[in-house]
Amino acid sequence: MKTLVEETIVEELQTGGDEAVRLYVAACAERMAPLFIGLRTGETGREADVELYTESVLDLWCTDRPLSDAAERAHLLDRFPELQPTEDGITDVVGTYTFFACLVLRYALLANASGSTDHAVSCGHAALTAIGMLDQNIAGAAFTAEERRLQSVSASGNAAGVWDASVRAGRECLRAVVSRIVTEAR
């Protein structure tokens, strides 16, 4: 399968070592986090899921070493409703974006544990897919260019400013999704 992640980023991840992989996936997960946390917080029965998601994203920023329980967290994430197959598939806006947020975090956790470039590229691919859908569904949106830029910056291994930029970008995506939900509800 062809990936949406640019070849130069793949090469940087392959040569940058485990810490560069962990920084890259932490940044991808951070940008997607508002889509899960913002859309699932307050939903009855999802409190533990939101807590696991929030703690996992925060813990991924300890890029100097793998999380000792990253694989276990990925296994717990696999039980989230978003990652369970359904007969009808995902058809609603909230379900679509929370699915991609979970998928990004799952690959981020797997990459964190293994240092695998393949898992990191899958993480970036899932993020680009979600952001590309957002651009397609909101007139005038241009989130993909910023996602590509931030993926490039985070793959370089230079952590300066990556967290702040990722938080801002994630919040902007959440605002756009919420705006879409409100518009469709009218």
N, C-alpha and C. Protein backbone atom coordinates (compact mmCIF):
# COMPACT_ATOMS: atom_id res chain seq x y z
N MET A 1 0.84 -1.18 0.00
CA MET A 1 0.00 0.00 0.00
C MET A 1 0.89 1.24 0.00
N LYS A 2 0.54 2.18 -0.84
CA LYS A 2 1.27 3.44 -0.89
C LYS A 2 0.85 4.29 0.30
N THR A 3 1.82 4.93 0.92
CA THR A 3 1.55 5.76 2.08
C THR A 3 1.43 7.22 1.68
N LEU A 4 0.68 7.97 2.46
CA LEU A 4 0.57 9.41 2.25
C LEU A 4 1.75 10.16 2.85
N VAL A 5 2.54 9.48 3.67
CA VAL A 5 3.70 10.11 4.30
C VAL A 5 4.78 10.31 3.24
N GLU A 6 5.32 11.51 3.19
CA GLU A 6 6.33 11.84 2.18
C GLU A 6 7.58 10.97 2.36
N GLU A 7 8.18 10.61 1.24
CA GLU A 7 9.35 9.72 1.24
C GLU A 7 10.50 10.30 2.06
N THR A 8 10.68 11.61 2.03
CA THR A 8 11.77 12.21 2.82
C THR A 8 11.55 11.99 4.31
N ILE A 9 10.30 12.00 4.74
CA ILE A 9 9.99 11.75 6.15
C ILE A 9 10.27 10.29 6.49
N VAL A 10 9.89 9.39 5.62
CA VAL A 10 10.16 7.97 5.83
C VAL A 10 11.66 7.75 5.98
N GLU A 11 12.44 8.38 5.10
CA GLU A 11 13.90 8.24 5.17
C GLU A 11 14.45 8.80 6.48
N GLU A 12 13.94 9.96 6.91
CA GLU A 12 14.41 10.53 8.18
C GLU A 12 14.08 9.61 9.35
N LEU A 13 12.91 9.00 9.32
CA LEU A 13 12.53 8.08 10.40
C LEU A 13 13.42 6.83 10.38
N GLN A 14 13.77 6.36 9.19
CA GLN A 14 14.61 5.16 9.08
C GLN A 14 16.03 5.42 9.58
N THR A 15 16.50 6.62 9.42
CA THR A 15 17.89 6.92 9.81
C THR A 15 17.99 7.65 11.14
N GLY A 16 16.87 8.15 11.66
CA GLY A 16 16.91 8.98 12.87
C GLY A 16 16.97 8.23 14.18
N GLY A 17 16.70 6.95 14.16
CA GLY A 17 16.74 6.17 15.39
C GLY A 17 15.43 6.17 16.15
N ASP A 18 15.41 5.41 17.23
CA ASP A 18 14.19 5.20 18.02
C ASP A 18 13.63 6.49 18.60
N GLU A 19 14.52 7.37 19.07
CA GLU A 19 14.04 8.61 19.69
C GLU A 19 13.34 9.51 18.66
N ALA A 20 13.85 9.55 17.43
CA ALA A 20 13.20 10.33 16.37
C ALA A 20 11.83 9.74 16.04
N VAL A 21 11.73 8.42 16.01
CA VAL A 21 10.45 7.75 15.78
C VAL A 21 9.47 8.12 16.90
N ARG A 22 9.94 8.07 18.14
CA ARG A 22 9.05 8.38 19.27
C ARG A 22 8.59 9.84 19.25
N LEU A 23 9.46 10.77 18.86
CA LEU A 23 9.06 12.17 18.76
C LEU A 23 8.01 12.34 17.66
N TYR A 24 8.24 11.73 16.54
CA TYR A 24 7.32 11.83 15.40
C TYR A 24 5.92 11.33 15.78
N VAL A 25 5.84 10.16 16.40
CA VAL A 25 4.52 9.60 16.72
C VAL A 25 3.87 10.36 17.88
N ALA A 26 4.66 10.86 18.82
CA ALA A 26 4.08 11.67 19.90
C ALA A 26 3.43 12.92 19.33
N ALA A 27 4.10 13.54 18.37
CA ALA A 27 3.55 14.75 17.75
C ALA A 27 2.29 14.44 16.94
N CYS A 28 2.30 13.35 16.20
CA CYS A 28 1.10 12.96 15.43
C CYS A 28 -0.07 12.71 16.39
N ALA A 29 0.18 11.97 17.46
CA ALA A 29 -0.87 11.65 18.43
C ALA A 29 -1.38 12.93 19.10
N GLU A 30 -0.49 13.85 19.41
CA GLU A 30 -0.89 15.11 20.04
C GLU A 30 -1.84 15.90 19.13
N ARG A 31 -1.56 15.93 17.85
CA ARG A 31 -2.42 16.68 16.93
C ARG A 31 -3.79 16.04 16.77
N MET A 32 -3.87 14.72 16.93
CA MET A 32 -5.15 14.03 16.81
C MET A 32 -5.91 13.95 18.13
N ALA A 33 -5.21 14.16 19.24
CA ALA A 33 -5.81 13.99 20.57
C ALA A 33 -7.07 14.82 20.78
N PRO A 34 -7.11 16.09 20.37
CA PRO A 34 -8.34 16.85 20.60
C PRO A 34 -9.57 16.24 19.92
N LEU A 35 -9.35 15.53 18.84
CA LEU A 35 -10.48 14.92 18.15
C LEU A 35 -11.11 13.80 18.96
N PHE A 36 -10.30 13.06 19.70
CA PHE A 36 -10.88 12.03 20.56
C PHE A 36 -11.34 12.64 21.89
N ILE A 37 -10.43 13.33 22.54
CA ILE A 37 -10.74 13.86 23.87
C ILE A 37 -11.89 14.85 23.82
N GLY A 38 -11.84 15.76 22.86
CA GLY A 38 -12.88 16.78 22.76
C GLY A 38 -14.25 16.24 22.36
N LEU A 39 -14.25 15.16 21.57
CA LEU A 39 -15.52 14.62 21.10
C LEU A 39 -16.08 13.52 21.99
N ARG A 40 -15.25 12.94 22.86
CA ARG A 40 -15.73 11.86 23.73
C ARG A 40 -15.82 12.24 25.20
N THR A 41 -15.20 13.33 25.62
CA THR A 41 -15.30 13.75 27.02
C THR A 41 -16.76 14.04 27.35
N GLY A 42 -17.19 13.53 28.48
CA GLY A 42 -18.57 13.74 28.91
C GLY A 42 -19.54 12.69 28.41
N GLU A 43 -19.08 11.81 27.54
CA GLU A 43 -19.94 10.75 27.04
C GLU A 43 -20.02 9.65 28.10
N THR A 44 -21.22 9.28 28.47
CA THR A 44 -21.44 8.27 29.50
C THR A 44 -20.75 6.96 29.12
N GLY A 45 -20.01 6.42 30.08
CA GLY A 45 -19.34 5.14 29.90
C GLY A 45 -17.99 5.24 29.21
N ARG A 46 -17.57 6.42 28.82
CA ARG A 46 -16.29 6.57 28.11
C ARG A 46 -15.22 7.25 28.96
N GLU A 47 -15.49 7.45 30.23
CA GLU A 47 -14.56 8.17 31.10
C GLU A 47 -13.19 7.49 31.14
N ALA A 48 -13.16 6.17 31.30
CA ALA A 48 -11.89 5.44 31.37
C ALA A 48 -11.16 5.50 30.03
N ASP A 49 -11.91 5.47 28.93
CA ASP A 49 -11.29 5.56 27.61
C ASP A 49 -10.62 6.92 27.42
N VAL A 50 -11.32 7.97 27.79
CA VAL A 50 -10.76 9.31 27.67
C VAL A 50 -9.52 9.45 28.55
N GLU A 51 -9.57 8.88 29.74
CA GLU A 51 -8.42 8.94 30.65
C GLU A 51 -7.22 8.18 30.06
N LEU A 52 -7.45 6.98 29.55
CA LEU A 52 -6.36 6.22 28.93
C LEU A 52 -5.78 6.98 27.75
N TYR A 53 -6.64 7.53 26.94
CA TYR A 53 -6.19 8.27 25.76
C TYR A 53 -5.33 9.46 26.18
N THR A 54 -5.86 10.25 27.11
CA THR A 54 -5.18 11.46 27.57
C THR A 54 -3.81 11.12 28.17
N GLU A 55 -3.78 10.15 29.06
CA GLU A 55 -2.51 9.76 29.71
C GLU A 55 -1.52 9.21 28.70
N SER A 56 -2.00 8.46 27.74
CA SER A 56 -1.10 7.87 26.74
C SER A 56 -0.44 8.95 25.89
N VAL A 57 -1.23 9.91 25.44
CA VAL A 57 -0.66 10.99 24.62
C VAL A 57 0.37 11.77 25.43
N LEU A 58 0.04 12.08 26.65
CA LEU A 58 0.98 12.81 27.51
C LEU A 58 2.27 12.00 27.70
N ASP A 59 2.14 10.72 27.99
CA ASP A 59 3.30 9.88 28.26
C ASP A 59 4.17 9.64 27.02
N LEU A 60 3.58 9.72 25.84
CA LEU A 60 4.37 9.54 24.62
C LEU A 60 5.45 10.61 24.46
N TRP A 61 5.27 11.75 25.12
CA TRP A 61 6.26 12.82 25.00
C TRP A 61 7.56 12.53 25.75
N CYS A 62 7.62 11.46 26.50
CA CYS A 62 8.89 11.04 27.12
C CYS A 62 9.63 10.23 26.06
N THR A 63 10.21 10.95 25.12
CA THR A 63 10.76 10.31 23.92
C THR A 63 12.14 9.68 24.11
N ASP A 64 12.74 9.89 25.27
CA ASP A 64 14.08 9.34 25.49
C ASP A 64 14.08 7.84 25.77
N ARG A 65 12.89 7.28 25.99
CA ARG A 65 12.79 5.85 26.26
C ARG A 65 11.38 5.37 25.89
N PRO A 66 11.25 4.10 25.54
CA PRO A 66 9.91 3.58 25.25
C PRO A 66 9.09 3.45 26.53
N LEU A 67 7.80 3.57 26.39
CA LEU A 67 6.90 3.33 27.53
C LEU A 67 6.93 1.85 27.86
N SER A 68 7.04 1.53 29.13
CA SER A 68 7.12 0.12 29.53
C SER A 68 5.82 -0.64 29.25
N ASP A 69 4.71 0.09 29.20
CA ASP A 69 3.41 -0.55 28.98
C ASP A 69 2.74 -0.13 27.68
N ALA A 70 3.52 0.32 26.71
CA ALA A 70 2.95 0.80 25.45
C ALA A 70 2.14 -0.29 24.74
N ALA A 71 2.66 -1.49 24.68
CA ALA A 71 1.95 -2.58 24.02
C ALA A 71 0.64 -2.90 24.74
N GLU A 72 0.67 -2.87 26.06
CA GLU A 72 -0.55 -3.11 26.85
C GLU A 72 -1.59 -2.02 26.58
N ARG A 73 -1.13 -0.77 26.51
CA ARG A 73 -2.06 0.33 26.21
C ARG A 73 -2.66 0.18 24.82
N ALA A 74 -1.84 -0.25 23.85
CA ALA A 74 -2.36 -0.47 22.49
C ALA A 74 -3.42 -1.57 22.51
N HIS A 75 -3.18 -2.61 23.30
CA HIS A 75 -4.15 -3.70 23.43
C HIS A 75 -5.46 -3.18 24.04
N LEU A 76 -5.38 -2.33 25.06
CA LEU A 76 -6.58 -1.74 25.65
C LEU A 76 -7.31 -0.85 24.64
N LEU A 77 -6.55 -0.13 23.86
CA LEU A 77 -7.13 0.74 22.84
C LEU A 77 -7.88 -0.08 21.79
N ASP A 78 -7.38 -1.27 21.50
CA ASP A 78 -8.04 -2.14 20.53
C ASP A 78 -9.47 -2.49 20.95
N ARG A 79 -9.77 -2.35 22.23
CA ARG A 79 -11.11 -2.66 22.75
C ARG A 79 -12.06 -1.46 22.66
N PHE A 80 -11.55 -0.29 22.31
CA PHE A 80 -12.41 0.89 22.19
C PHE A 80 -13.46 0.63 21.11
N PRO A 81 -14.67 1.13 21.30
CA PRO A 81 -15.72 0.93 20.29
C PRO A 81 -15.32 1.41 18.89
N GLU A 82 -14.50 2.46 18.82
CA GLU A 82 -14.09 3.00 17.52
C GLU A 82 -13.31 1.99 16.70
N LEU A 83 -12.62 1.08 17.35
CA LEU A 83 -11.78 0.12 16.63
C LEU A 83 -12.44 -1.25 16.49
N GLN A 84 -13.71 -1.34 16.85
CA GLN A 84 -14.45 -2.58 16.70
C GLN A 84 -15.19 -2.58 15.36
N PRO A 85 -15.14 -3.71 14.64
CA PRO A 85 -15.87 -3.75 13.36
C PRO A 85 -17.38 -3.68 13.60
N THR A 86 -18.04 -3.00 12.69
CA THR A 86 -19.50 -2.92 12.75
C THR A 86 -20.06 -3.29 11.39
N GLU A 87 -21.29 -3.73 11.40
CA GLU A 87 -21.93 -4.15 10.17
C GLU A 87 -22.08 -3.00 9.18
N ASP A 88 -22.44 -1.83 9.69
CA ASP A 88 -22.69 -0.67 8.83
C ASP A 88 -21.47 0.22 8.62
N GLY A 89 -20.40 -0.02 9.36
CA GLY A 89 -19.24 0.85 9.28
C GLY A 89 -19.50 2.15 10.03
N ILE A 90 -18.60 3.07 9.88
CA ILE A 90 -18.73 4.37 10.55
C ILE A 90 -19.35 5.35 9.57
N THR A 91 -20.44 5.96 9.99
CA THR A 91 -21.14 6.86 9.07
C THR A 91 -21.29 8.28 9.60
N ASP A 92 -20.99 8.50 10.87
CA ASP A 92 -21.17 9.84 11.43
C ASP A 92 -19.84 10.57 11.58
N VAL A 93 -19.92 11.88 11.69
CA VAL A 93 -18.72 12.73 11.77
C VAL A 93 -17.91 12.40 13.02
N VAL A 94 -18.55 12.36 14.18
CA VAL A 94 -17.84 12.08 15.42
C VAL A 94 -17.16 10.72 15.36
N GLY A 95 -17.88 9.72 14.91
CA GLY A 95 -17.32 8.38 14.82
C GLY A 95 -16.13 8.31 13.87
N THR A 96 -16.21 9.02 12.77
CA THR A 96 -15.12 9.02 11.80
C THR A 96 -13.84 9.59 12.40
N TYR A 97 -13.93 10.76 13.00
CA TYR A 97 -12.72 11.41 13.50
C TYR A 97 -12.19 10.76 14.78
N THR A 98 -13.07 10.23 15.61
CA THR A 98 -12.57 9.53 16.80
C THR A 98 -11.94 8.19 16.40
N PHE A 99 -12.45 7.57 15.34
CA PHE A 99 -11.80 6.36 14.82
C PHE A 99 -10.36 6.66 14.42
N PHE A 100 -10.18 7.70 13.62
CA PHE A 100 -8.82 8.02 13.16
C PHE A 100 -7.92 8.44 14.33
N ALA A 101 -8.48 9.15 15.30
CA ALA A 101 -7.68 9.52 16.47
C ALA A 101 -7.22 8.28 17.22
N CYS A 102 -8.09 7.29 17.35
CA CYS A 102 -7.71 6.03 18.01
C CYS A 102 -6.68 5.27 17.19
N LEU A 103 -6.86 5.25 15.89
CA LEU A 103 -5.92 4.54 15.02
C LEU A 103 -4.53 5.18 15.10
N VAL A 104 -4.47 6.49 15.09
CA VAL A 104 -3.19 7.19 15.21
C VAL A 104 -2.53 6.85 16.55
N LEU A 105 -3.29 6.90 17.63
CA LEU A 105 -2.72 6.58 18.93
C LEU A 105 -2.26 5.13 18.99
N ARG A 106 -3.01 4.23 18.42
CA ARG A 106 -2.63 2.82 18.42
C ARG A 106 -1.27 2.64 17.75
N TYR A 107 -1.12 3.19 16.55
CA TYR A 107 0.17 3.08 15.85
C TYR A 107 1.27 3.83 16.59
N ALA A 108 0.93 4.95 17.22
CA ALA A 108 1.94 5.69 18.00
C ALA A 108 2.46 4.85 19.15
N LEU A 109 1.56 4.18 19.85
CA LEU A 109 1.98 3.32 20.96
C LEU A 109 2.83 2.15 20.47
N LEU A 110 2.42 1.54 19.37
CA LEU A 110 3.20 0.43 18.82
C LEU A 110 4.59 0.89 18.38
N ALA A 111 4.66 2.05 17.74
CA ALA A 111 5.96 2.59 17.31
C ALA A 111 6.82 2.97 18.50
N ASN A 112 6.19 3.52 19.53
CA ASN A 112 6.93 3.89 20.73
C ASN A 112 7.58 2.65 21.34
N ALA A 113 6.84 1.57 21.41
CA ALA A 113 7.35 0.35 22.03
C ALA A 113 8.44 -0.32 21.21
N SER A 114 8.29 -0.27 19.89
CA SER A 114 9.17 -1.04 19.02
C SER A 114 10.25 -0.22 18.32
N GLY A 115 10.01 1.08 18.18
CA GLY A 115 10.91 1.90 17.38
C GLY A 115 10.73 1.64 15.89
N SER A 116 9.66 0.95 15.54
CA SER A 116 9.41 0.56 14.15
C SER A 116 9.05 1.74 13.26
N THR A 117 9.80 1.88 12.19
CA THR A 117 9.49 2.90 11.20
C THR A 117 8.15 2.59 10.54
N ASP A 118 7.85 1.33 10.32
CA ASP A 118 6.59 0.95 9.68
C ASP A 118 5.40 1.41 10.51
N HIS A 119 5.46 1.19 11.83
CA HIS A 119 4.37 1.64 12.69
C HIS A 119 4.29 3.18 12.69
N ALA A 120 5.43 3.83 12.69
CA ALA A 120 5.44 5.30 12.66
C ALA A 120 4.83 5.83 11.37
N VAL A 121 5.16 5.22 10.26
CA VAL A 121 4.61 5.64 8.97
C VAL A 121 3.10 5.38 8.94
N SER A 122 2.65 4.27 9.50
CA SER A 122 1.21 4.00 9.58
C SER A 122 0.51 5.05 10.43
N CYS A 123 1.17 5.48 11.50
CA CYS A 123 0.64 6.53 12.36
C CYS A 123 0.48 7.83 11.56
N GLY A 124 1.52 8.22 10.86
CA GLY A 124 1.45 9.43 10.05
C GLY A 124 0.44 9.34 8.92
N HIS A 125 0.35 8.16 8.31
CA HIS A 125 -0.61 7.93 7.22
C HIS A 125 -2.04 8.10 7.72
N ALA A 126 -2.34 7.51 8.88
CA ALA A 126 -3.69 7.63 9.45
C ALA A 126 -4.02 9.09 9.75
N ALA A 127 -3.04 9.83 10.29
CA ALA A 127 -3.27 11.25 10.58
C ALA A 127 -3.53 12.03 9.29
N LEU A 128 -2.74 11.78 8.27
CA LEU A 128 -2.93 12.49 6.99
C LEU A 128 -4.26 12.12 6.34
N THR A 129 -4.69 10.89 6.49
CA THR A 129 -5.99 10.47 5.95
C THR A 129 -7.11 11.26 6.62
N ALA A 130 -7.08 11.33 7.95
CA ALA A 130 -8.11 12.07 8.69
C ALA A 130 -8.10 13.54 8.32
N ILE A 131 -6.93 14.13 8.28
CA ILE A 131 -6.83 15.56 7.99
C ILE A 131 -7.22 15.83 6.54
N GLY A 132 -6.88 14.93 5.65
CA GLY A 132 -7.31 15.07 4.25
C GLY A 132 -8.82 15.04 4.12
N MET A 133 -9.46 14.16 4.89
CA MET A 133 -10.93 14.11 4.88
C MET A 133 -11.51 15.42 5.40
N LEU A 134 -10.87 15.97 6.42
CA LEU A 134 -11.33 17.24 6.98
C LEU A 134 -11.26 18.32 5.92
N ASP A 135 -10.15 18.39 5.18
CA ASP A 135 -10.02 19.37 4.10
C ASP A 135 -11.10 19.18 3.03
N GLN A 136 -11.42 17.93 2.72
CA GLN A 136 -12.43 17.65 1.69
C GLN A 136 -13.83 18.03 2.14
N ASN A 137 -14.09 17.98 3.43
CA ASN A 137 -15.43 18.20 3.94
C ASN A 137 -15.71 19.61 4.46
N ILE A 138 -14.69 20.45 4.48
CA ILE A 138 -14.89 21.82 4.94
C ILE A 138 -14.35 22.76 3.87
N ALA A 139 -15.25 23.54 3.32
CA ALA A 139 -14.88 24.46 2.24
C ALA A 139 -13.75 25.38 2.68
N GLY A 140 -12.73 25.45 1.85
CA GLY A 140 -11.62 26.36 2.10
C GLY A 140 -10.61 25.90 3.13
N ALA A 141 -10.79 24.72 3.69
CA ALA A 141 -9.85 24.21 4.71
C ALA A 141 -8.53 23.82 4.05
N ALA A 142 -7.45 24.01 4.80
CA ALA A 142 -6.11 23.67 4.29
C ALA A 142 -5.27 23.07 5.41
N PHE A 143 -5.84 22.11 6.12
CA PHE A 143 -5.14 21.50 7.24
C PHE A 143 -4.04 20.53 6.81
N THR A 144 -4.18 19.94 5.63
CA THR A 144 -3.21 18.94 5.19
C THR A 144 -1.81 19.52 5.04
N ALA A 145 -1.71 20.70 4.49
CA ALA A 145 -0.40 21.33 4.32
C ALA A 145 0.30 21.51 5.67
N GLU A 146 -0.45 21.94 6.67
CA GLU A 146 0.13 22.12 8.00
C GLU A 146 0.49 20.77 8.62
N GLU A 147 -0.33 19.75 8.42
CA GLU A 147 -0.01 18.42 8.94
C GLU A 147 1.28 17.90 8.29
N ARG A 148 1.42 18.08 7.00
CA ARG A 148 2.65 17.64 6.32
C ARG A 148 3.87 18.40 6.86
N ARG A 149 3.72 19.70 7.06
CA ARG A 149 4.82 20.51 7.58
C ARG A 149 5.22 20.03 8.97
N LEU A 150 4.23 19.81 9.83
CA LEU A 150 4.53 19.39 11.19
C LEU A 150 5.09 17.97 11.24
N GLN A 151 4.64 17.12 10.34
CA GLN A 151 5.24 15.78 10.27
C GLN A 151 6.71 15.88 9.88
N SER A 152 7.02 16.76 8.96
CA SER A 152 8.40 16.94 8.54
C SER A 152 9.26 17.47 9.68
N VAL A 153 8.74 18.47 10.38
CA VAL A 153 9.48 19.05 11.50
C VAL A 153 9.72 18.01 12.59
N SER A 154 8.70 17.24 12.93
CA SER A 154 8.85 16.26 14.02
C SER A 154 9.72 15.09 13.60
N ALA A 155 9.74 14.73 12.33
CA ALA A 155 10.60 13.63 11.87
C ALA A 155 12.07 14.02 11.88
N SER A 156 12.35 15.31 11.88
CA SER A 156 13.74 15.76 11.87
C SER A 156 14.45 15.47 13.18
N GLY A 157 13.67 15.16 14.23
CA GLY A 157 14.25 14.87 15.52
C GLY A 157 14.49 16.09 16.39
N ASN A 158 14.21 17.27 15.87
CA ASN A 158 14.38 18.51 16.63
C ASN A 158 13.05 18.82 17.32
N ALA A 159 13.01 18.67 18.63
CA ALA A 159 11.76 18.79 19.38
C ALA A 159 11.34 20.24 19.64
N ALA A 160 12.21 21.20 19.36
CA ALA A 160 11.92 22.60 19.67
C ALA A 160 10.62 23.06 19.00
N GLY A 161 9.66 23.43 19.81
CA GLY A 161 8.40 23.98 19.31
C GLY A 161 7.40 22.98 18.77
N VAL A 162 7.77 21.71 18.71
CA VAL A 162 6.88 20.70 18.11
C VAL A 162 5.63 20.51 18.96
N TRP A 163 5.77 20.46 20.26
CA TRP A 163 4.60 20.25 21.12
C TRP A 163 3.63 21.41 20.98
N ASP A 164 4.10 22.63 21.12
CA ASP A 164 3.21 23.80 21.01
C ASP A 164 2.49 23.84 19.67
N ALA A 165 3.24 23.63 18.60
CA ALA A 165 2.64 23.65 17.26
C ALA A 165 1.63 22.52 17.09
N SER A 166 1.92 21.36 17.66
CA SER A 166 1.00 20.22 17.55
C SER A 166 -0.28 20.48 18.34
N VAL A 167 -0.16 21.06 19.52
CA VAL A 167 -1.35 21.40 20.31
C VAL A 167 -2.22 22.38 19.54
N ARG A 168 -1.62 23.42 19.00
CA ARG A 168 -2.38 24.43 18.24
C ARG A 168 -3.09 23.80 17.04
N ALA A 169 -2.36 23.00 16.28
CA ALA A 169 -2.93 22.37 15.09
C ALA A 169 -4.08 21.44 15.46
N GLY A 170 -3.91 20.67 16.52
CA GLY A 170 -4.98 19.76 16.96
C GLY A 170 -6.23 20.51 17.37
N ARG A 171 -6.05 21.61 18.07
CA ARG A 171 -7.20 22.41 18.50
C ARG A 171 -7.93 23.01 17.30
N GLU A 172 -7.18 23.45 16.30
CA GLU A 172 -7.80 24.00 15.10
C GLU A 172 -8.62 22.94 14.37
N CYS A 173 -8.11 21.74 14.31
CA CYS A 173 -8.86 20.64 13.67
C CYS A 173 -10.13 20.34 14.45
N LEU A 174 -10.04 20.32 15.78
CA LEU A 174 -11.23 20.09 16.59
C LEU A 174 -12.27 21.18 16.34
N ARG A 175 -11.83 22.44 16.31
CA ARG A 175 -12.77 23.54 16.04
C ARG A 175 -13.48 23.34 14.70
N ALA A 176 -12.73 22.90 13.71
CA ALA A 176 -13.31 22.69 12.38
C ALA A 176 -14.33 21.55 12.41
N VAL A 177 -14.01 20.47 13.10
CA VAL A 177 -14.94 19.33 13.18
C VAL A 177 -16.20 19.74 13.94
N VAL A 178 -16.04 20.43 15.06
CA VAL A 178 -17.20 20.87 15.84
C VAL A 178 -18.06 21.82 15.00
N SER A 179 -17.44 22.70 14.25
CA SER A 179 -18.17 23.61 13.37
C SER A 179 -18.96 22.83 12.32
N ARG A 180 -18.35 21.78 11.80
CA ARG A 180 -19.04 20.93 10.82
C ARG A 180 -20.24 20.24 11.46
N ILE A 181 -20.06 19.74 12.68
CA ILE A 181 -21.16 19.07 13.39
C ILE A 181 -22.30 20.03 13.62
N VAL A 182 -21.98 21.23 14.07
CA VAL A 182 -23.01 22.25 14.33
C VAL A 182 -23.73 22.63 13.04
N THR A 183 -22.99 22.80 11.98
CA THR A 183 -23.59 23.15 10.69
C THR A 183 -24.52 22.06 10.18
N GLU A 184 -24.12 20.81 10.33
CA GLU A 184 -24.95 19.70 9.87
C GLU A 184 -26.20 19.53 10.74
N ALA A 185 -26.11 19.95 11.99
CA ALA A 185 -27.25 19.80 12.91
C ALA A 185 -28.35 20.84 12.63
N ARG A 186 -28.01 21.87 11.92
CA ARG A 186 -29.01 22.93 11.64
C ARG A 186 -30.02 22.54 10.62
